[in-house]
């Protein structure tokens, strides 16, 4: 099961007023060994109790992903050669 689906279940049970131990127990009885860990359930339960609505990850700050393609290499080489004259 995807982590987004687990979060949806945690959100639903939190909105029903269930405690973390109850959520863990219910999820464990349904998902068995694939149940998310205690830390994850506590984290998301707390976030949903604080009013969070999204079950998606927040965007991560930092360096963007680099992409290198033959087309980009050619463009950079062309630009570089025109700059040199």
N, C-alpha and C. Protein backbone atom coordinates (compact mmCIF):
# COMPACT_ATOMS: atom_id res chain seq x y z
N UNK A 1 0.85 -1.18 0.00
CA UNK A 1 0.00 0.00 0.00
C UNK A 1 0.89 1.24 0.00
N UNK A 2 0.46 2.26 -0.68
CA UNK A 2 1.21 3.50 -0.78
C UNK A 2 1.09 4.32 0.51
N UNK A 3 2.14 5.10 0.80
CA UNK A 3 2.12 5.92 2.01
C UNK A 3 0.98 6.93 2.00
N UNK A 4 0.58 7.39 0.81
CA UNK A 4 -0.53 8.34 0.70
C UNK A 4 -1.82 7.68 1.19
N UNK A 5 -2.00 6.42 0.86
CA UNK A 5 -3.19 5.70 1.30
C UNK A 5 -3.20 5.53 2.82
N UNK A 6 -2.04 5.22 3.40
CA UNK A 6 -1.95 5.11 4.85
C UNK A 6 -2.32 6.43 5.51
N UNK A 7 -1.81 7.51 4.94
CA UNK A 7 -2.10 8.84 5.51
C UNK A 7 -3.59 9.15 5.43
N UNK A 8 -4.23 8.73 4.36
CA UNK A 8 -5.68 8.95 4.23
C UNK A 8 -6.43 8.21 5.33
N UNK A 9 -5.99 7.00 5.64
CA UNK A 9 -6.63 6.22 6.71
C UNK A 9 -6.39 6.90 8.05
N UNK A 10 -5.14 7.33 8.30
CA UNK A 10 -4.81 8.02 9.55
C UNK A 10 -5.64 9.29 9.69
N UNK A 11 -5.76 10.04 8.61
CA UNK A 11 -6.55 11.27 8.63
C UNK A 11 -8.01 10.97 8.96
N UNK A 12 -8.58 9.98 8.30
CA UNK A 12 -9.97 9.62 8.52
C UNK A 12 -10.21 9.21 9.98
N UNK A 13 -9.36 8.34 10.50
CA UNK A 13 -9.53 7.88 11.88
C UNK A 13 -9.28 9.00 12.88
N UNK A 14 -8.35 9.90 12.57
CA UNK A 14 -8.11 11.06 13.44
C UNK A 14 -9.34 11.94 13.49
N UNK A 15 -9.95 12.18 12.32
CA UNK A 15 -11.16 13.01 12.27
C UNK A 15 -12.32 12.35 13.00
N UNK A 16 -12.28 11.04 13.14
CA UNK A 16 -13.30 10.33 13.92
C UNK A 16 -13.03 10.43 15.41
N UNK A 17 -11.89 11.03 15.77
CA UNK A 17 -11.55 11.21 17.18
C UNK A 17 -10.82 10.04 17.79
N UNK A 18 -10.28 9.15 16.97
CA UNK A 18 -9.57 7.97 17.48
C UNK A 18 -8.19 8.38 17.99
N UNK A 19 -7.74 7.69 19.02
CA UNK A 19 -6.41 7.92 19.58
C UNK A 19 -5.37 7.18 18.75
N UNK A 20 -4.11 7.54 18.93
CA UNK A 20 -3.03 6.89 18.19
C UNK A 20 -2.98 5.39 18.47
N UNK A 21 -3.05 4.95 19.74
CA UNK A 21 -3.03 3.50 19.97
C UNK A 21 -4.19 2.78 19.27
N UNK A 22 -5.35 3.40 19.24
CA UNK A 22 -6.50 2.79 18.56
C UNK A 22 -6.25 2.73 17.06
N UNK A 23 -5.71 3.81 16.49
CA UNK A 23 -5.40 3.83 15.06
C UNK A 23 -4.38 2.75 14.73
N UNK A 24 -3.32 2.66 15.53
CA UNK A 24 -2.30 1.64 15.31
C UNK A 24 -2.91 0.24 15.37
N UNK A 25 -3.76 0.01 16.35
CA UNK A 25 -4.39 -1.30 16.52
C UNK A 25 -5.26 -1.64 15.32
N UNK A 26 -6.08 -0.69 14.88
CA UNK A 26 -6.98 -0.93 13.75
C UNK A 26 -6.19 -1.15 12.46
N UNK A 27 -5.17 -0.33 12.24
CA UNK A 27 -4.38 -0.48 11.01
C UNK A 27 -3.59 -1.78 11.03
N UNK A 28 -3.08 -2.16 12.19
CA UNK A 28 -2.34 -3.41 12.31
C UNK A 28 -3.23 -4.62 12.03
N UNK A 29 -4.47 -4.55 12.50
CA UNK A 29 -5.38 -5.68 12.27
C UNK A 29 -5.77 -5.80 10.80
N UNK A 30 -5.75 -4.69 10.07
CA UNK A 30 -6.10 -4.72 8.65
C UNK A 30 -4.88 -4.98 7.77
N UNK A 31 -3.77 -4.28 8.03
CA UNK A 31 -2.61 -4.34 7.14
C UNK A 31 -1.52 -5.28 7.59
N UNK A 32 -1.59 -5.76 8.81
CA UNK A 32 -0.59 -6.70 9.30
C UNK A 32 0.82 -6.13 9.27
N UNK A 33 1.75 -6.89 8.69
CA UNK A 33 3.16 -6.50 8.65
C UNK A 33 3.43 -5.26 7.80
N UNK A 34 2.52 -4.95 6.88
CA UNK A 34 2.75 -3.77 6.04
C UNK A 34 2.22 -2.49 6.67
N UNK A 35 1.74 -2.58 7.90
CA UNK A 35 1.23 -1.42 8.62
C UNK A 35 2.37 -0.41 8.85
N UNK A 36 2.08 0.89 8.73
CA UNK A 36 3.13 1.89 8.98
C UNK A 36 3.58 1.85 10.43
N UNK A 37 4.77 2.35 10.66
CA UNK A 37 5.34 2.35 12.00
C UNK A 37 4.68 3.34 12.94
N UNK A 38 4.93 3.13 14.21
CA UNK A 38 4.36 3.97 15.27
C UNK A 38 4.74 5.44 15.08
N UNK A 39 6.00 5.70 14.73
CA UNK A 39 6.47 7.07 14.56
C UNK A 39 5.69 7.79 13.48
N UNK A 40 5.47 7.11 12.35
CA UNK A 40 4.73 7.72 11.25
C UNK A 40 3.29 8.03 11.66
N UNK A 41 2.66 7.09 12.34
CA UNK A 41 1.27 7.30 12.76
C UNK A 41 1.18 8.46 13.74
N UNK A 42 2.08 8.53 14.72
CA UNK A 42 2.09 9.64 15.67
C UNK A 42 2.29 10.97 14.95
N UNK A 43 3.24 11.01 14.00
CA UNK A 43 3.53 12.25 13.28
C UNK A 43 2.30 12.75 12.53
N UNK A 44 1.70 11.88 11.73
CA UNK A 44 0.57 12.31 10.90
C UNK A 44 -0.68 12.56 11.73
N UNK A 45 -0.89 11.81 12.79
CA UNK A 45 -2.02 12.04 13.69
C UNK A 45 -1.91 13.45 14.27
N UNK A 46 -0.69 13.80 14.70
CA UNK A 46 -0.46 15.13 15.27
C UNK A 46 -0.70 16.22 14.24
N UNK A 47 -0.20 16.03 13.02
CA UNK A 47 -0.40 17.03 11.97
C UNK A 47 -1.88 17.22 11.65
N UNK A 48 -2.63 16.13 11.57
CA UNK A 48 -4.06 16.24 11.27
C UNK A 48 -4.83 16.86 12.44
N UNK A 49 -4.40 16.58 13.67
CA UNK A 49 -5.03 17.21 14.84
C UNK A 49 -4.79 18.72 14.84
N UNK A 50 -3.66 19.15 14.30
CA UNK A 50 -3.31 20.57 14.24
C UNK A 50 -4.01 21.28 13.08
N UNK A 51 -4.76 20.53 12.27
CA UNK A 51 -5.52 21.15 11.20
C UNK A 51 -5.01 20.90 9.79
N UNK A 52 -3.97 20.14 9.65
CA UNK A 52 -3.47 19.84 8.31
C UNK A 52 -4.54 19.07 7.53
N UNK A 53 -4.70 19.41 6.27
CA UNK A 53 -5.68 18.74 5.42
C UNK A 53 -5.02 17.87 4.35
N UNK A 54 -3.86 18.28 3.86
CA UNK A 54 -3.21 17.56 2.77
C UNK A 54 -2.57 16.27 3.27
N UNK A 55 -2.68 15.22 2.47
CA UNK A 55 -2.00 13.96 2.78
C UNK A 55 -0.74 13.80 1.94
N UNK A 56 -0.45 14.80 1.12
CA UNK A 56 0.74 14.78 0.26
C UNK A 56 1.95 15.30 1.04
N UNK A 57 3.15 14.91 0.60
CA UNK A 57 4.38 15.45 1.17
C UNK A 57 4.48 16.93 0.84
N UNK A 58 5.08 17.69 1.75
CA UNK A 58 5.36 19.10 1.48
C UNK A 58 6.52 19.16 0.48
N UNK A 59 6.55 20.21 -0.35
CA UNK A 59 7.69 20.36 -1.26
C UNK A 59 8.98 20.52 -0.46
N UNK A 60 10.03 19.95 -0.96
CA UNK A 60 11.31 20.03 -0.26
C UNK A 60 12.14 21.18 -0.81
N UNK A 61 12.68 22.01 0.08
CA UNK A 61 13.53 23.10 -0.39
C UNK A 61 14.89 22.55 -0.80
N UNK A 62 15.60 23.33 -1.54
CA UNK A 62 16.95 22.90 -1.90
C UNK A 62 17.19 22.93 -3.38
N UNK A 63 18.23 22.30 -3.74
CA UNK A 63 18.69 22.30 -5.12
C UNK A 63 17.71 21.54 -6.01
N UNK A 64 17.47 22.08 -7.18
CA UNK A 64 16.58 21.41 -8.12
C UNK A 64 17.29 20.25 -8.80
N UNK A 65 16.52 19.41 -9.43
CA UNK A 65 17.05 18.25 -10.12
C UNK A 65 17.76 18.69 -11.40
N UNK A 66 18.92 18.12 -11.65
CA UNK A 66 19.66 18.45 -12.86
C UNK A 66 19.33 17.44 -13.95
N UNK A 67 19.20 17.94 -15.17
CA UNK A 67 18.92 17.07 -16.31
C UNK A 67 19.97 17.32 -17.37
N UNK A 68 20.56 16.25 -17.87
CA UNK A 68 21.54 16.36 -18.94
C UNK A 68 21.06 15.52 -20.12
N UNK A 69 20.88 16.18 -21.25
CA UNK A 69 20.47 15.47 -22.47
C UNK A 69 21.43 15.86 -23.59
N UNK A 70 21.51 15.05 -24.62
CA UNK A 70 22.39 15.41 -25.75
C UNK A 70 22.02 16.77 -26.36
N UNK A 71 20.74 17.08 -26.39
CA UNK A 71 20.30 18.36 -26.94
C UNK A 71 20.82 19.54 -26.12
N UNK A 72 20.75 19.40 -24.80
CA UNK A 72 21.25 20.47 -23.93
C UNK A 72 22.75 20.63 -24.07
N UNK A 73 23.45 19.53 -24.17
CA UNK A 73 24.90 19.59 -24.33
C UNK A 73 25.26 20.33 -25.61
N UNK A 74 24.55 20.02 -26.70
CA UNK A 74 24.80 20.71 -27.97
C UNK A 74 24.53 22.21 -27.86
N UNK A 75 23.45 22.58 -27.20
CA UNK A 75 23.12 23.99 -27.05
C UNK A 75 24.18 24.73 -26.25
N UNK A 76 24.64 24.11 -25.18
CA UNK A 76 25.67 24.74 -24.35
C UNK A 76 26.97 24.86 -25.13
N UNK A 77 27.34 23.80 -25.86
CA UNK A 77 28.56 23.85 -26.66
C UNK A 77 28.47 24.94 -27.73
N UNK A 78 27.32 25.06 -28.37
CA UNK A 78 27.12 26.10 -29.39
C UNK A 78 27.24 27.49 -28.77
N UNK A 79 26.59 27.68 -27.63
CA UNK A 79 26.65 28.97 -26.94
C UNK A 79 28.08 29.30 -26.55
N UNK A 80 28.78 28.31 -26.03
CA UNK A 80 30.16 28.50 -25.59
C UNK A 80 31.06 28.86 -26.78
N UNK A 81 30.87 28.17 -27.90
CA UNK A 81 31.71 28.44 -29.07
C UNK A 81 31.43 29.83 -29.66
N UNK A 82 30.17 30.29 -29.60
CA UNK A 82 29.86 31.64 -30.10
C UNK A 82 30.42 32.71 -29.17
N UNK A 83 30.51 32.39 -27.91
CA UNK A 83 31.07 33.36 -26.95
C UNK A 83 32.57 33.51 -27.16
N UNK A 84 33.23 32.43 -27.56
CA UNK A 84 34.68 32.48 -27.77
C UNK A 84 35.03 33.14 -29.10
N UNK A 85 34.07 33.19 -29.98
CA UNK A 85 34.32 33.91 -31.23
C UNK A 85 34.57 33.03 -32.33
